[in-house]
Amino acid sequence: MEELVDVASISGGRTSGKMIKLLPKNTRYIYMDTGAEHPATYKFIRELVENFEINLVCLKLVVNPVLGVGNDYRIVDVSELRPDLEAFKSYISKYSTPTFGMAACTARMKTEVFKHYCDDTFGAKKYRTWLGIRYD
């Protein structure tokens, strides 16, 4: 039986650092950037990469404006992370402003992007997911 690849989705919070310390050394790390994080979050992510010497794949949602057609992602360098609202604005242009009653923002901007990348990179059902979840 083929061994699963360990893939961790980091959030940019302190628990992400704790998770990095606990997971196996060969774990792959991914961050989904909305472009709407606080500058300190982006600074902390760069510090995680430097201090733990991890290879972090940073993904941004690429919205296909046609309703009913799926979206894509692009890989960005950790040095490009900043509060530019790029992905968030494109999300809003297709789906409208997220609300507490319609919390599809996380699903479309993070969960679907993560799964799409992992399926493309490792193959469907060939990876084990670890999540770093920020309280906010």
C-alpha atoms as a PDB file:
ATOM      1  CA  MET A   1       0.000   0.000   0.000  1.00  0.00           C
ATOM      2  CA  GLU A   2       1.269   3.447  -0.955  1.00  0.00           C
ATOM      3  CA  GLU A   3       2.114   5.733   1.961  1.00  0.00           C
ATOM      4  CA  LEU A   4       0.167   8.984   2.233  1.00  0.00           C
ATOM      5  CA  VAL A   5       1.928  12.354   1.973  1.00  0.00           C
ATOM      6  CA  ASP A   6       1.478  14.526   5.079  1.00  0.00           C
ATOM      7  CA  VAL A   7       0.247  17.979   4.061  1.00  0.00           C
ATOM      8  CA  ALA A   8      -0.401  20.731   6.601  1.00  0.00           C
ATOM      9  CA  SER A   9      -2.493  23.807   5.989  1.00  0.00           C
ATOM     10  CA  ILE A  10      -1.105  26.580   8.146  1.00  0.00           C
ATOM     11  CA  SER A  11      -3.227  29.547   9.161  1.00  0.00           C
ATOM     12  CA  GLY A  12      -0.582  32.048  10.164  1.00  0.00           C
ATOM     13  CA  GLY A  13      -1.419  31.876  13.851  1.00  0.00           C
ATOM     14  CA  ARG A  14       0.699  30.714  16.779  1.00  0.00           C
ATOM     15  CA  THR A  15      -0.840  27.243  16.654  1.00  0.00           C
ATOM     16  CA  SER A  16       0.699  26.854  13.191  1.00  0.00           C
ATOM     17  CA  GLY A  17       4.135  27.142  14.770  1.00  0.00           C
ATOM     18  CA  LYS A  18       3.230  24.548  17.398  1.00  0.00           C
ATOM     19  CA  MET A  19       1.893  22.245  14.687  1.00  0.00           C
ATOM     20  CA  ILE A  20       5.124  22.555  12.674  1.00  0.00           C
ATOM     21  CA  LYS A  21       7.078  21.447  15.743  1.00  0.00           C
ATOM     22  CA  LEU A  22       4.838  18.399  16.230  1.00  0.00           C
ATOM     23  CA  LEU A  23       4.508  17.078  12.680  1.00  0.00           C
ATOM     24  CA  PRO A  24       6.951  14.750  10.914  1.00  0.00           C
ATOM     25  CA  LYS A  25       9.965  16.417   9.235  1.00  0.00           C
ATOM     26  CA  ASN A  26       8.834  15.439   5.722  1.00  0.00           C
ATOM     27  CA  THR A  27       5.458  17.223   6.065  1.00  0.00           C
ATOM     28  CA  ARG A  28       4.553  19.588   3.217  1.00  0.00           C
ATOM     29  CA  TYR A  29       3.212  23.008   4.264  1.00  0.00           C
ATOM     30  CA  ILE A  30       0.645  25.130   2.447  1.00  0.00           C
ATOM     31  CA  TYR A  31      -0.798  28.572   3.133  1.00  0.00           C
ATOM     32  CA  MET A  32      -3.851  29.927   1.313  1.00  0.00           C
ATOM     33  CA  ASP A  33      -3.600  33.702   1.011  1.00  0.00           C
ATOM     34  CA  THR A  34      -6.738  35.815   0.856  1.00  0.00           C
ATOM     35  CA  GLY A  35      -4.780  39.057   0.620  1.00  0.00           C
ATOM     36  CA  ALA A  36      -6.849  40.256   3.583  1.00  0.00           C
ATOM     37  CA  GLU A  37      -4.643  39.378   6.539  1.00  0.00           C
ATOM     38  CA  HIS A  38      -3.076  41.792   9.002  1.00  0.00           C
ATOM     39  CA  PRO A  39       0.515  42.728   8.077  1.00  0.00           C
ATOM     40  CA  ALA A  40       1.712  41.093  11.323  1.00  0.00           C
ATOM     41  CA  THR A  41       0.238  37.773  10.162  1.00  0.00           C
ATOM     42  CA  TYR A  42       2.293  37.908   6.962  1.00  0.00           C
ATOM     43  CA  LYS A  43       5.397  38.813   8.985  1.00  0.00           C
ATOM     44  CA  PHE A  44       4.763  35.854  11.295  1.00  0.00           C
ATOM     45  CA  ILE A  45       4.382  33.478   8.337  1.00  0.00           C
ATOM     46  CA  ARG A  46       7.757  34.593   6.953  1.00  0.00           C
ATOM     47  CA  GLU A  47       9.265  34.066  10.406  1.00  0.00           C
ATOM     48  CA  LEU A  48       7.811  30.530  10.547  1.00  0.00           C
ATOM     49  CA  VAL A  49       9.447  29.731   7.208  1.00  0.00           C
ATOM     50  CA  GLU A  50      12.787  31.131   8.339  1.00  0.00           C
ATOM     51  CA  ASN A  51      12.852  29.785  11.899  1.00  0.00           C
ATOM     52  CA  PHE A  52      11.579  26.284  11.132  1.00  0.00           C
ATOM     53  CA  GLU A  53      13.299  26.111   7.717  1.00  0.00           C
ATOM     54  CA  ILE A  54      10.179  24.820   5.987  1.00  0.00           C
ATOM     55  CA  ASN A  55       9.331  24.975   2.318  1.00  0.00           C
ATOM     56  CA  LEU A  56       5.976  26.761   2.325  1.00  0.00           C
ATOM     57  CA  VAL A  57       3.770  26.723  -0.765  1.00  0.00           C
ATOM     58  CA  CYS A  58       1.604  29.857  -0.796  1.00  0.00           C
ATOM     59  CA  LEU A  59      -1.563  29.723  -2.881  1.00  0.00           C
ATOM     60  CA  LYS A  60      -3.938  32.447  -4.040  1.00  0.00           C
ATOM     61  CA  LEU A  61      -7.407  31.926  -5.394  1.00  0.00           C
ATOM     62  CA  VAL A  62      -7.821  32.705  -9.093  1.00  0.00           C
ATOM     63  CA  VAL A  63     -11.509  33.326  -9.688  1.00  0.00           C
ATOM     64  CA  ASN A  64     -13.163  32.281 -12.915  1.00  0.00           C
ATOM     65  CA  PRO A  65     -15.889  34.949 -13.239  1.00  0.00           C
ATOM     66  CA  VAL A  66     -18.338  32.585 -14.963  1.00  0.00           C
ATOM     67  CA  LEU A  67     -20.944  31.246 -12.536  1.00  0.00           C
ATOM     68  CA  GLY A  68     -21.034  27.464 -12.469  1.00  0.00           C
ATOM     69  CA  VAL A  69     -17.397  27.216 -13.583  1.00  0.00           C
ATOM     70  CA  GLY A  70     -14.804  26.265 -10.976  1.00  0.00           C
ATOM     71  CA  ASN A  71     -11.958  28.477  -9.840  1.00  0.00           C
ATOM     72  CA  ASP A  72      -8.228  27.860  -9.916  1.00  0.00           C
ATOM     73  CA  TYR A  73      -5.170  28.892  -7.898  1.00  0.00           C
ATOM     74  CA  ARG A  74      -1.716  30.268  -8.442  1.00  0.00           C
ATOM     75  CA  ILE A  75       1.439  29.764  -6.436  1.00  0.00           C
ATOM     76  CA  VAL A  76       3.051  32.895  -4.992  1.00  0.00           C
ATOM     77  CA  ASP A  77       6.349  33.295  -3.191  1.00  0.00           C
ATOM     78  CA  VAL A  78       6.223  33.896   0.563  1.00  0.00           C
ATOM     79  CA  SER A  79       7.933  37.260  -0.073  1.00  0.00           C
ATOM     80  CA  GLU A  80       4.861  38.350  -2.091  1.00  0.00           C
ATOM     81  CA  LEU A  81       2.432  37.917   0.810  1.00  0.00           C
ATOM     82  CA  ARG A  82       0.874  41.239   1.744  1.00  0.00           C
ATOM     83  CA  PRO A  83      -2.565  42.756   2.415  1.00  0.00           C
ATOM     84  CA  ASP A  84      -3.399  43.550  -1.220  1.00  0.00           C
ATOM     85  CA  LEU A  85      -7.020  42.247  -1.128  1.00  0.00           C
ATOM     86  CA  GLU A  86      -6.469  40.790  -4.621  1.00  0.00           C
ATOM     87  CA  ALA A  87      -8.029  37.348  -4.055  1.00  0.00           C
ATOM     88  CA  PHE A  88     -10.683  38.719  -1.708  1.00  0.00           C
ATOM     89  CA  LYS A  89     -11.853  41.333  -4.230  1.00  0.00           C
ATOM     90  CA  SER A  90     -12.067  38.762  -7.017  1.00  0.00           C
ATOM     91  CA  TYR A  91     -14.045  36.459  -4.712  1.00  0.00           C
ATOM     92  CA  ILE A  92     -16.523  39.283  -3.976  1.00  0.00           C
ATOM     93  CA  SER A  93     -16.897  40.099  -7.668  1.00  0.00           C
ATOM     94  CA  LYS A  94     -18.241  36.591  -8.304  1.00  0.00           C
ATOM     95  CA  TYR A  95     -19.928  35.583  -5.055  1.00  0.00           C
ATOM     96  CA  SER A  96     -20.780  38.840  -3.209  1.00  0.00           C
ATOM     97  CA  THR A  97     -19.665  39.912   0.254  1.00  0.00           C
ATOM     98  CA  PRO A  98     -19.369  37.041   2.756  1.00  0.00           C
ATOM     99  CA  THR A  99     -21.595  37.109   5.828  1.00  0.00           C
ATOM    100  CA  PHE A 100     -21.932  35.013   8.981  1.00  0.00           C
ATOM    101  CA  GLY A 101     -25.059  33.427   7.494  1.00  0.00           C
ATOM    102  CA  MET A 102     -23.262  32.559   4.252  1.00  0.00           C
ATOM    103  CA  ALA A 103     -19.731  31.580   5.224  1.00  0.00           C
ATOM    104  CA  ALA A 104     -18.686  30.207   1.833  1.00  0.00           C
ATOM    105  CA  CYS A 105     -15.633  32.481   1.819  1.00  0.00           C
ATOM    106  CA  THR A 106     -13.424  30.030   3.730  1.00  0.00           C
ATOM    107  CA  ALA A 107     -14.612  27.114   1.623  1.00  0.00           C
ATOM    108  CA  ARG A 108     -13.938  28.827  -1.714  1.00  0.00           C
ATOM    109  CA  MET A 109     -10.817  30.812  -0.821  1.00  0.00           C
ATOM    110  CA  LYS A 110      -9.067  28.237   1.336  1.00  0.00           C
ATOM    111  CA  THR A 111     -10.546  24.724   1.517  1.00  0.00           C
ATOM    112  CA  GLU A 112     -11.244  24.309  -2.217  1.00  0.00           C
ATOM    113  CA  VAL A 113      -7.906  25.885  -3.190  1.00  0.00           C
ATOM    114  CA  PHE A 114      -6.055  23.553  -0.794  1.00  0.00           C
ATOM    115  CA  LYS A 115      -7.841  20.441  -2.094  1.00  0.00           C
ATOM    116  CA  HIS A 116      -7.391  21.456  -5.740  1.00  0.00           C
ATOM    117  CA  TYR A 117      -3.636  21.983  -5.260  1.00  0.00           C
ATOM    118  CA  CYS A 118      -3.181  18.741  -3.278  1.00  0.00           C
ATOM    119  CA  ASP A 119      -5.140  16.675  -5.798  1.00  0.00           C
ATOM    120  CA  ASP A 120      -3.079  18.208  -8.628  1.00  0.00           C
ATOM    121  CA  THR A 121       0.235  17.738  -6.810  1.00  0.00           C
ATOM    122  CA  PHE A 122      -0.102  14.491  -4.849  1.00  0.00           C
ATOM    123  CA  GLY A 123      -3.143  12.809  -6.406  1.00  0.00           C
ATOM    124  CA  ALA A 124      -6.655  12.444  -5.046  1.00  0.00           C
ATOM    125  CA  LYS A 125      -6.756  10.574  -1.722  1.00  0.00           C
ATOM    126  CA  LYS A 126      -2.946  10.217  -1.658  1.00  0.00           C
ATOM    127  CA  TYR A 127      -2.344  12.718   1.121  1.00  0.00           C
ATOM    128  CA  ARG A 128      -3.249  13.170   4.791  1.00  0.00           C
ATOM    129  CA  THR A 129      -4.349  16.660   5.831  1.00  0.00           C
ATOM    130  CA  TRP A 130      -3.290  18.506   8.981  1.00  0.00           C
ATOM    131  CA  LEU A 131      -4.970  21.841   9.774  1.00  0.00           C
ATOM    132  CA  GLY A 132      -3.721  24.867  11.656  1.00  0.00           C
ATOM    133  CA  ILE A 133      -6.794  26.846  12.650  1.00  0.00           C
ATOM    134  CA  ARG A 134      -6.717  30.396  13.929  1.00  0.00           C
ATOM    135  CA  TYR A 135      -9.266  31.304  16.584  1.00  0.00           C
ATOM    136  CA  ASP A 136     -10.548  34.361  14.659  1.00  0.00           C
END
